N, C-alpha and C. Protein backbone atom coordinates (compact mmCIF):
# COMPACT_ATOMS: atom_id res chain seq x y z
N MET A 1 10.44 -10.57 18.57
CA MET A 1 10.47 -9.80 19.80
C MET A 1 11.91 -9.77 20.30
N THR A 2 12.36 -8.60 20.63
CA THR A 2 13.73 -8.49 21.09
C THR A 2 13.82 -8.29 22.59
N ARG A 3 12.76 -7.83 23.23
CA ARG A 3 12.79 -7.61 24.67
C ARG A 3 12.13 -8.78 25.39
N ILE A 4 12.69 -9.15 26.53
CA ILE A 4 12.25 -10.35 27.23
C ILE A 4 10.92 -10.13 27.96
N GLY A 5 10.67 -8.96 28.50
CA GLY A 5 9.43 -8.70 29.25
C GLY A 5 8.17 -8.90 28.43
N PRO A 6 8.03 -8.21 27.29
CA PRO A 6 6.84 -8.44 26.46
C PRO A 6 6.74 -9.86 25.94
N TRP A 7 7.89 -10.49 25.72
CA TRP A 7 7.87 -11.87 25.22
C TRP A 7 7.31 -12.82 26.28
N ILE A 8 7.66 -12.62 27.55
CA ILE A 8 7.14 -13.47 28.63
C ILE A 8 5.64 -13.30 28.76
N THR A 9 5.14 -12.08 28.65
CA THR A 9 3.70 -11.84 28.66
C THR A 9 3.03 -12.54 27.49
N PHE A 10 3.64 -12.45 26.33
CA PHE A 10 3.15 -13.12 25.13
C PHE A 10 3.10 -14.64 25.34
N VAL A 11 4.14 -15.21 25.94
CA VAL A 11 4.20 -16.64 26.22
C VAL A 11 3.03 -17.06 27.11
N PHE A 12 2.77 -16.29 28.15
CA PHE A 12 1.68 -16.58 29.07
C PHE A 12 0.34 -16.67 28.34
N TRP A 13 0.04 -15.69 27.50
CA TRP A 13 -1.24 -15.66 26.79
C TRP A 13 -1.34 -16.76 25.74
N ILE A 14 -0.26 -17.07 25.07
CA ILE A 14 -0.29 -18.13 24.06
C ILE A 14 -0.52 -19.49 24.73
N ILE A 15 0.13 -19.73 25.86
CA ILE A 15 -0.07 -20.99 26.57
C ILE A 15 -1.52 -21.12 27.03
N LEU A 16 -2.08 -20.04 27.58
CA LEU A 16 -3.48 -20.09 28.00
C LEU A 16 -4.41 -20.36 26.83
N LEU A 17 -4.17 -19.72 25.70
CA LEU A 17 -4.99 -19.93 24.51
C LEU A 17 -4.87 -21.37 24.01
N GLN A 18 -3.65 -21.91 24.02
CA GLN A 18 -3.45 -23.29 23.56
C GLN A 18 -4.15 -24.29 24.47
N ILE A 19 -3.99 -24.12 25.78
CA ILE A 19 -4.52 -25.10 26.72
C ILE A 19 -6.04 -25.02 26.85
N PHE A 20 -6.58 -23.81 26.95
CA PHE A 20 -8.01 -23.68 27.25
C PHE A 20 -8.91 -23.55 26.03
N VAL A 21 -8.35 -23.30 24.86
CA VAL A 21 -9.19 -23.17 23.67
C VAL A 21 -8.77 -24.16 22.58
N LEU A 22 -7.55 -24.02 22.10
CA LEU A 22 -7.13 -24.78 20.93
C LEU A 22 -6.97 -26.28 21.18
N SER A 23 -6.72 -26.69 22.42
CA SER A 23 -6.60 -28.11 22.72
C SER A 23 -7.92 -28.84 22.54
N TYR A 24 -9.01 -28.11 22.55
CA TYR A 24 -10.32 -28.73 22.41
C TYR A 24 -10.87 -28.65 20.99
N VAL A 25 -10.08 -28.10 20.08
CA VAL A 25 -10.49 -28.01 18.68
C VAL A 25 -9.90 -29.21 17.94
N GLU A 26 -10.78 -30.03 17.37
CA GLU A 26 -10.34 -31.13 16.53
C GLU A 26 -11.42 -31.37 15.49
N VAL A 27 -11.02 -31.28 14.24
CA VAL A 27 -11.96 -31.44 13.14
C VAL A 27 -11.62 -32.72 12.39
N GLY A 28 -12.49 -33.68 12.47
CA GLY A 28 -12.33 -34.92 11.71
C GLY A 28 -11.10 -35.73 12.04
N GLY A 29 -10.47 -35.50 13.16
CA GLY A 29 -9.27 -36.24 13.52
C GLY A 29 -8.00 -35.79 12.81
N TYR A 30 -8.11 -34.82 11.90
CA TYR A 30 -6.95 -34.36 11.13
C TYR A 30 -6.51 -32.96 11.50
N LEU A 31 -7.43 -32.12 11.89
CA LEU A 31 -7.12 -30.72 12.13
C LEU A 31 -7.09 -30.43 13.63
N SER A 32 -5.91 -30.16 14.13
CA SER A 32 -5.71 -29.78 15.53
C SER A 32 -4.73 -28.62 15.54
N PRO A 33 -5.20 -27.38 15.58
CA PRO A 33 -4.26 -26.26 15.49
C PRO A 33 -3.36 -26.16 16.73
N TYR A 34 -2.08 -26.01 16.47
CA TYR A 34 -1.10 -25.83 17.54
C TYR A 34 -0.44 -24.47 17.37
N LEU A 35 -0.65 -23.61 18.36
CA LEU A 35 -0.11 -22.27 18.32
C LEU A 35 1.15 -22.12 19.17
N TYR A 36 1.36 -23.04 20.09
CA TYR A 36 2.49 -22.90 21.01
C TYR A 36 3.86 -22.87 20.35
N PRO A 37 4.08 -23.44 19.14
CA PRO A 37 5.41 -23.28 18.52
C PRO A 37 5.75 -21.83 18.20
N LEU A 38 4.74 -20.97 18.14
CA LEU A 38 4.99 -19.54 17.90
C LEU A 38 5.86 -18.95 19.01
N ILE A 39 5.76 -19.51 20.21
CA ILE A 39 6.59 -19.05 21.33
C ILE A 39 8.07 -19.26 20.99
N LEU A 40 8.38 -20.40 20.43
CA LEU A 40 9.78 -20.69 20.08
C LEU A 40 10.23 -19.90 18.86
N VAL A 41 9.32 -19.66 17.93
CA VAL A 41 9.66 -18.88 16.73
C VAL A 41 10.00 -17.45 17.12
N LEU A 42 9.22 -16.88 18.05
CA LEU A 42 9.41 -15.47 18.42
C LEU A 42 10.31 -15.27 19.64
N ALA A 43 10.95 -16.33 20.11
CA ALA A 43 11.89 -16.18 21.22
C ALA A 43 13.00 -15.22 20.80
N PRO A 44 13.57 -14.47 21.75
CA PRO A 44 14.64 -13.54 21.38
C PRO A 44 15.76 -14.25 20.61
N ALA A 45 16.26 -13.60 19.59
CA ALA A 45 17.25 -14.21 18.69
C ALA A 45 18.55 -14.55 19.40
N ASN A 46 18.88 -13.81 20.43
CA ASN A 46 20.14 -14.06 21.13
C ASN A 46 19.97 -14.99 22.33
N MET A 47 18.81 -15.66 22.42
CA MET A 47 18.58 -16.59 23.52
C MET A 47 19.56 -17.75 23.42
N ASN A 48 20.12 -18.12 24.54
CA ASN A 48 21.06 -19.22 24.63
C ASN A 48 20.43 -20.49 24.07
N ARG A 49 21.19 -21.24 23.26
CA ARG A 49 20.66 -22.46 22.64
C ARG A 49 20.17 -23.46 23.69
N TYR A 50 20.89 -23.62 24.79
CA TYR A 50 20.47 -24.55 25.84
C TYR A 50 19.22 -24.03 26.56
N GLY A 51 19.13 -22.74 26.72
CA GLY A 51 17.93 -22.15 27.31
C GLY A 51 16.71 -22.37 26.43
N LEU A 52 16.92 -22.24 25.12
CA LEU A 52 15.84 -22.47 24.17
C LEU A 52 15.41 -23.94 24.18
N LEU A 53 16.37 -24.85 24.26
CA LEU A 53 16.05 -26.28 24.34
C LEU A 53 15.33 -26.61 25.65
N LEU A 54 15.75 -26.00 26.74
CA LEU A 54 15.08 -26.21 28.02
C LEU A 54 13.65 -25.67 27.97
N LEU A 55 13.48 -24.48 27.42
CA LEU A 55 12.15 -23.90 27.28
C LEU A 55 11.26 -24.79 26.41
N SER A 56 11.79 -25.28 25.31
CA SER A 56 11.00 -26.13 24.43
C SER A 56 10.63 -27.44 25.11
N GLY A 57 11.53 -27.97 25.90
CA GLY A 57 11.24 -29.20 26.63
C GLY A 57 10.14 -29.02 27.65
N VAL A 58 10.22 -27.94 28.41
CA VAL A 58 9.18 -27.65 29.41
C VAL A 58 7.84 -27.37 28.72
N LEU A 59 7.89 -26.61 27.65
CA LEU A 59 6.68 -26.29 26.91
C LEU A 59 6.05 -27.55 26.32
N GLY A 60 6.85 -28.37 25.65
CA GLY A 60 6.35 -29.61 25.07
C GLY A 60 5.84 -30.58 26.12
N LEU A 61 6.55 -30.69 27.24
CA LEU A 61 6.12 -31.56 28.32
C LEU A 61 4.80 -31.10 28.90
N GLY A 62 4.64 -29.79 29.06
CA GLY A 62 3.37 -29.26 29.57
C GLY A 62 2.20 -29.59 28.66
N ILE A 63 2.40 -29.43 27.35
CA ILE A 63 1.34 -29.76 26.39
C ILE A 63 1.09 -31.27 26.41
N ASP A 64 2.15 -32.07 26.50
CA ASP A 64 1.99 -33.52 26.57
C ASP A 64 1.20 -33.95 27.80
N LEU A 65 1.50 -33.36 28.94
CA LEU A 65 0.77 -33.70 30.16
C LEU A 65 -0.69 -33.30 30.05
N HIS A 66 -0.95 -32.16 29.42
CA HIS A 66 -2.34 -31.71 29.26
C HIS A 66 -3.11 -32.59 28.29
N GLU A 67 -2.48 -32.98 27.19
CA GLU A 67 -3.17 -33.75 26.16
C GLU A 67 -2.99 -35.26 26.30
N GLY A 68 -2.08 -35.69 27.17
CA GLY A 68 -1.82 -37.12 27.33
C GLY A 68 -1.21 -37.75 26.09
N SER A 69 -0.30 -37.04 25.45
CA SER A 69 0.25 -37.51 24.18
C SER A 69 1.58 -38.24 24.32
N GLY A 70 2.04 -38.48 25.51
CA GLY A 70 3.18 -39.35 25.71
C GLY A 70 4.52 -38.88 25.18
N GLY A 71 4.78 -37.62 25.15
CA GLY A 71 6.09 -37.11 24.73
C GLY A 71 6.19 -36.65 23.30
N LEU A 72 5.11 -36.73 22.52
CA LEU A 72 5.15 -36.30 21.11
C LEU A 72 5.44 -34.81 20.98
N HIS A 73 4.80 -34.00 21.78
CA HIS A 73 5.02 -32.55 21.71
C HIS A 73 6.40 -32.18 22.25
N LEU A 74 6.87 -32.92 23.22
CA LEU A 74 8.23 -32.70 23.73
C LEU A 74 9.25 -32.93 22.62
N MET A 75 9.09 -34.01 21.86
CA MET A 75 10.03 -34.29 20.76
C MET A 75 9.92 -33.24 19.66
N ALA A 76 8.70 -32.87 19.28
CA ALA A 76 8.52 -31.93 18.18
C ALA A 76 9.03 -30.54 18.54
N SER A 77 8.74 -30.09 19.76
CA SER A 77 9.20 -28.76 20.13
C SER A 77 10.71 -28.74 20.36
N SER A 78 11.28 -29.83 20.81
CA SER A 78 12.74 -29.90 20.96
C SER A 78 13.43 -29.90 19.60
N ALA A 79 12.85 -30.59 18.63
CA ALA A 79 13.41 -30.58 17.27
C ALA A 79 13.36 -29.16 16.70
N LEU A 80 12.25 -28.45 16.94
CA LEU A 80 12.13 -27.07 16.47
C LEU A 80 13.16 -26.18 17.15
N ALA A 81 13.32 -26.31 18.46
CA ALA A 81 14.28 -25.47 19.18
C ALA A 81 15.71 -25.76 18.72
N TYR A 82 16.01 -27.01 18.43
CA TYR A 82 17.35 -27.37 17.98
C TYR A 82 17.65 -26.76 16.61
N ALA A 83 16.66 -26.77 15.72
CA ALA A 83 16.88 -26.29 14.35
C ALA A 83 16.61 -24.80 14.19
N ARG A 84 16.00 -24.17 15.17
CA ARG A 84 15.60 -22.76 15.04
C ARG A 84 16.76 -21.82 14.72
N PRO A 85 17.92 -21.92 15.38
CA PRO A 85 19.00 -20.99 15.04
C PRO A 85 19.40 -21.04 13.56
N TRP A 86 19.39 -22.23 12.97
CA TRP A 86 19.74 -22.35 11.56
C TRP A 86 18.64 -21.77 10.67
N MET A 87 17.39 -22.02 11.04
CA MET A 87 16.28 -21.46 10.26
C MET A 87 16.28 -19.94 10.35
N LEU A 88 16.48 -19.42 11.56
CA LEU A 88 16.51 -17.97 11.74
C LEU A 88 17.68 -17.36 10.98
N ASN A 89 18.82 -18.03 11.00
CA ASN A 89 19.99 -17.55 10.27
C ASN A 89 19.76 -17.57 8.77
N ALA A 90 18.98 -18.53 8.28
CA ALA A 90 18.70 -18.61 6.85
C ALA A 90 17.77 -17.49 6.39
N VAL A 91 16.84 -17.08 7.26
CA VAL A 91 15.85 -16.07 6.87
C VAL A 91 16.30 -14.66 7.27
N VAL A 92 16.82 -14.51 8.48
CA VAL A 92 17.28 -13.21 8.99
C VAL A 92 18.71 -13.41 9.48
N PRO A 93 19.69 -13.34 8.58
CA PRO A 93 21.05 -13.77 8.90
C PRO A 93 21.71 -13.11 10.11
N ARG A 94 21.45 -11.86 10.36
CA ARG A 94 22.17 -11.18 11.45
C ARG A 94 21.25 -10.84 12.61
N ALA A 95 20.22 -11.61 12.83
CA ALA A 95 19.23 -11.32 13.86
C ALA A 95 19.84 -11.32 15.26
N ALA A 96 20.66 -12.30 15.58
CA ALA A 96 21.22 -12.41 16.92
C ALA A 96 22.27 -11.34 17.20
N GLU A 97 23.15 -11.08 16.22
CA GLU A 97 24.22 -10.11 16.46
C GLU A 97 23.70 -8.69 16.59
N GLU A 98 22.71 -8.34 15.80
CA GLU A 98 22.22 -6.96 15.77
C GLU A 98 20.92 -6.77 16.52
N GLN A 99 20.46 -7.80 17.24
CA GLN A 99 19.21 -7.74 17.99
C GLN A 99 18.05 -7.32 17.09
N LEU A 100 17.99 -7.90 15.90
CA LEU A 100 16.94 -7.56 14.96
C LEU A 100 15.62 -8.17 15.39
N PRO A 101 14.52 -7.42 15.26
CA PRO A 101 13.21 -7.99 15.54
C PRO A 101 12.75 -8.82 14.35
N PHE A 102 11.91 -9.80 14.58
CA PHE A 102 11.44 -10.61 13.47
C PHE A 102 9.97 -10.95 13.59
N ALA A 103 9.17 -9.97 13.97
CA ALA A 103 7.72 -10.08 13.89
C ALA A 103 7.33 -9.78 12.45
N PRO A 104 6.10 -10.11 12.03
CA PRO A 104 5.70 -9.91 10.64
C PRO A 104 5.85 -8.48 10.14
N GLN A 105 5.56 -7.51 11.00
CA GLN A 105 5.66 -6.11 10.58
C GLN A 105 7.10 -5.69 10.35
N ASP A 106 8.02 -6.30 11.06
CA ASP A 106 9.44 -5.96 10.93
C ASP A 106 10.10 -6.67 9.76
N LEU A 107 9.73 -7.93 9.53
CA LEU A 107 10.35 -8.73 8.48
C LEU A 107 9.75 -8.52 7.11
N GLY A 108 8.46 -8.27 7.08
CA GLY A 108 7.74 -8.29 5.81
C GLY A 108 7.08 -9.65 5.65
N THR A 109 6.07 -9.69 4.83
CA THR A 109 5.27 -10.89 4.69
C THR A 109 6.06 -12.08 4.16
N GLY A 110 6.90 -11.88 3.16
CA GLY A 110 7.63 -12.99 2.55
C GLY A 110 8.57 -13.68 3.53
N LYS A 111 9.40 -12.91 4.20
CA LYS A 111 10.35 -13.50 5.15
C LYS A 111 9.62 -14.10 6.35
N TRP A 112 8.56 -13.42 6.80
CA TRP A 112 7.79 -13.94 7.94
C TRP A 112 7.20 -15.31 7.60
N LEU A 113 6.55 -15.41 6.44
CA LEU A 113 5.94 -16.68 6.06
C LEU A 113 6.99 -17.77 5.85
N THR A 114 8.15 -17.41 5.33
CA THR A 114 9.23 -18.38 5.17
C THR A 114 9.67 -18.91 6.53
N LEU A 115 9.93 -18.01 7.47
CA LEU A 115 10.35 -18.41 8.81
C LEU A 115 9.26 -19.23 9.49
N LEU A 116 8.03 -18.78 9.39
CA LEU A 116 6.93 -19.46 10.05
C LEU A 116 6.69 -20.85 9.47
N PHE A 117 6.68 -20.97 8.15
CA PHE A 117 6.40 -22.27 7.54
C PHE A 117 7.57 -23.24 7.68
N LEU A 118 8.80 -22.75 7.71
CA LEU A 118 9.92 -23.64 8.01
C LEU A 118 9.80 -24.18 9.43
N SER A 119 9.53 -23.28 10.38
CA SER A 119 9.46 -23.67 11.79
C SER A 119 8.26 -24.57 12.06
N PHE A 120 7.09 -24.11 11.69
CA PHE A 120 5.88 -24.89 11.94
C PHE A 120 5.88 -26.16 11.11
N GLY A 121 6.43 -26.11 9.91
CA GLY A 121 6.50 -27.30 9.07
C GLY A 121 7.33 -28.39 9.73
N LEU A 122 8.49 -28.04 10.25
CA LEU A 122 9.33 -29.01 10.95
C LEU A 122 8.59 -29.56 12.16
N HIS A 123 8.02 -28.66 12.96
CA HIS A 123 7.31 -29.08 14.18
C HIS A 123 6.16 -30.02 13.85
N HIS A 124 5.31 -29.63 12.93
CA HIS A 124 4.12 -30.42 12.62
C HIS A 124 4.47 -31.74 11.95
N PHE A 125 5.42 -31.72 11.02
CA PHE A 125 5.80 -32.96 10.36
C PHE A 125 6.38 -33.94 11.37
N TRP A 126 7.28 -33.47 12.23
CA TRP A 126 7.88 -34.32 13.24
C TRP A 126 6.80 -34.88 14.17
N LEU A 127 5.88 -34.03 14.60
CA LEU A 127 4.80 -34.44 15.49
C LEU A 127 3.93 -35.51 14.86
N PHE A 128 3.51 -35.31 13.62
CA PHE A 128 2.57 -36.23 13.00
C PHE A 128 3.22 -37.50 12.48
N VAL A 129 4.51 -37.44 12.15
CA VAL A 129 5.21 -38.67 11.78
C VAL A 129 5.26 -39.61 12.98
N TRP A 130 5.60 -39.09 14.14
CA TRP A 130 5.68 -39.93 15.33
C TRP A 130 4.30 -40.29 15.85
N ALA A 131 3.31 -39.44 15.63
CA ALA A 131 1.95 -39.74 16.08
C ALA A 131 1.28 -40.81 15.23
N SER A 132 1.75 -40.99 13.99
CA SER A 132 1.11 -41.96 13.10
C SER A 132 1.39 -43.40 13.51
N HIS A 133 2.49 -43.66 14.23
CA HIS A 133 2.88 -44.99 14.69
C HIS A 133 3.12 -45.97 13.55
N ASP A 134 3.09 -45.48 12.34
CA ASP A 134 3.27 -46.39 11.21
C ASP A 134 3.84 -45.59 10.05
N GLY A 135 4.92 -46.00 9.52
CA GLY A 135 5.58 -45.25 8.47
C GLY A 135 5.06 -45.45 7.07
N HIS A 136 4.16 -46.39 6.85
CA HIS A 136 3.75 -46.66 5.48
C HIS A 136 2.57 -45.81 5.01
N ILE A 137 2.04 -44.97 5.87
CA ILE A 137 0.92 -44.12 5.47
C ILE A 137 1.41 -42.67 5.35
N TRP A 138 2.42 -42.47 4.51
CA TRP A 138 3.03 -41.15 4.36
C TRP A 138 2.06 -40.13 3.82
N SER A 139 1.12 -40.54 2.98
CA SER A 139 0.17 -39.58 2.41
C SER A 139 -0.69 -38.98 3.50
N LEU A 140 -1.12 -39.78 4.48
CA LEU A 140 -1.93 -39.24 5.58
C LEU A 140 -1.10 -38.31 6.47
N VAL A 141 0.15 -38.67 6.71
CA VAL A 141 1.03 -37.81 7.51
C VAL A 141 1.23 -36.47 6.81
N LEU A 142 1.47 -36.51 5.50
CA LEU A 142 1.67 -35.27 4.75
C LEU A 142 0.40 -34.43 4.71
N VAL A 143 -0.74 -35.06 4.48
CA VAL A 143 -2.00 -34.31 4.44
C VAL A 143 -2.28 -33.66 5.79
N ARG A 144 -2.11 -34.43 6.86
CA ARG A 144 -2.36 -33.87 8.19
C ARG A 144 -1.37 -32.76 8.52
N SER A 145 -0.10 -32.95 8.16
CA SER A 145 0.91 -31.93 8.42
C SER A 145 0.61 -30.65 7.65
N VAL A 146 0.30 -30.76 6.39
CA VAL A 146 0.04 -29.57 5.56
C VAL A 146 -1.23 -28.87 6.00
N LEU A 147 -2.28 -29.63 6.30
CA LEU A 147 -3.53 -29.02 6.75
C LEU A 147 -3.33 -28.26 8.06
N ASN A 148 -2.66 -28.89 9.02
CA ASN A 148 -2.40 -28.23 10.29
C ASN A 148 -1.42 -27.08 10.14
N LEU A 149 -0.47 -27.21 9.23
CA LEU A 149 0.47 -26.13 8.96
C LEU A 149 -0.27 -24.90 8.43
N ALA A 150 -1.19 -25.10 7.52
CA ALA A 150 -1.94 -23.98 6.96
C ALA A 150 -2.79 -23.29 8.01
N VAL A 151 -3.52 -24.05 8.81
CA VAL A 151 -4.39 -23.46 9.82
C VAL A 151 -3.58 -22.83 10.95
N SER A 152 -2.59 -23.55 11.45
CA SER A 152 -1.76 -23.01 12.54
C SER A 152 -0.96 -21.80 12.07
N GLY A 153 -0.46 -21.85 10.83
CA GLY A 153 0.29 -20.72 10.28
C GLY A 153 -0.58 -19.48 10.12
N ALA A 154 -1.80 -19.67 9.63
CA ALA A 154 -2.72 -18.53 9.49
C ALA A 154 -3.07 -17.95 10.85
N LEU A 155 -3.33 -18.80 11.82
CA LEU A 155 -3.65 -18.34 13.17
C LEU A 155 -2.45 -17.62 13.80
N ALA A 156 -1.26 -18.19 13.64
CA ALA A 156 -0.05 -17.57 14.19
C ALA A 156 0.23 -16.22 13.54
N THR A 157 0.03 -16.12 12.24
CA THR A 157 0.24 -14.85 11.55
C THR A 157 -0.77 -13.81 12.00
N ALA A 158 -2.02 -14.22 12.15
CA ALA A 158 -3.05 -13.28 12.62
C ALA A 158 -2.72 -12.75 14.01
N ILE A 159 -2.25 -13.62 14.88
CA ILE A 159 -1.90 -13.18 16.24
C ILE A 159 -0.63 -12.35 16.22
N ALA A 160 0.36 -12.75 15.43
CA ALA A 160 1.63 -12.03 15.41
C ALA A 160 1.49 -10.63 14.83
N TRP A 161 0.47 -10.38 14.02
CA TRP A 161 0.27 -9.03 13.48
C TRP A 161 -0.10 -8.04 14.58
N PHE A 162 -0.53 -8.53 15.73
CA PHE A 162 -0.84 -7.64 16.85
C PHE A 162 0.39 -7.22 17.63
N ILE A 163 1.53 -7.83 17.33
CA ILE A 163 2.78 -7.41 17.98
C ILE A 163 3.16 -6.06 17.37
N PRO A 164 3.37 -5.05 18.21
CA PRO A 164 3.70 -3.74 17.65
C PRO A 164 5.02 -3.75 16.89
N LYS A 165 5.10 -2.93 15.86
CA LYS A 165 6.33 -2.80 15.07
C LYS A 165 7.44 -2.25 15.98
N SER A 166 8.61 -2.83 15.82
CA SER A 166 9.74 -2.43 16.64
C SER A 166 10.17 -1.01 16.27
N SER A 167 10.49 -0.24 17.29
CA SER A 167 10.95 1.13 17.03
C SER A 167 12.41 1.17 16.65
N ASN A 168 13.19 0.11 17.02
CA ASN A 168 14.61 0.11 16.68
C ASN A 168 14.92 -0.70 15.44
N GLY A 169 13.91 -1.34 14.80
CA GLY A 169 14.16 -2.16 13.63
C GLY A 169 13.66 -1.46 12.44
């Protein structure tokens, strides 16, 4: 998304969906879909790095307060916001300079999935490593991260396909 108005509306609906629906979905203690990182993935490419970090902090803190997770989402979303410019530059190199859109319809499926899985992969891995409280069970952390990455990525892609194709991209 390149325009701030539609993005703010999008943020509002994603937060409502995360808090009132997805926060109550948990399958077997391993599957908890998190859609809110999509807000950071689709933030305007030219957004100030400090603004993006502030947004991620507020977003993560809000999810932490709702779920009582003690700062785990704050750390994971801040790590995603910190690394996002490099990930975006790796997938869509001139997105910020040329105001390029990067929704699935604009990027194409391959680049979209690369950007989404890099972003969500970092977020989910960071979240579940710290949530495990124990570093010796790496197989469980990886299984939980990959399972949540697949479900959250599929859900994020399904929702992002409803973003209209950019007329200037």
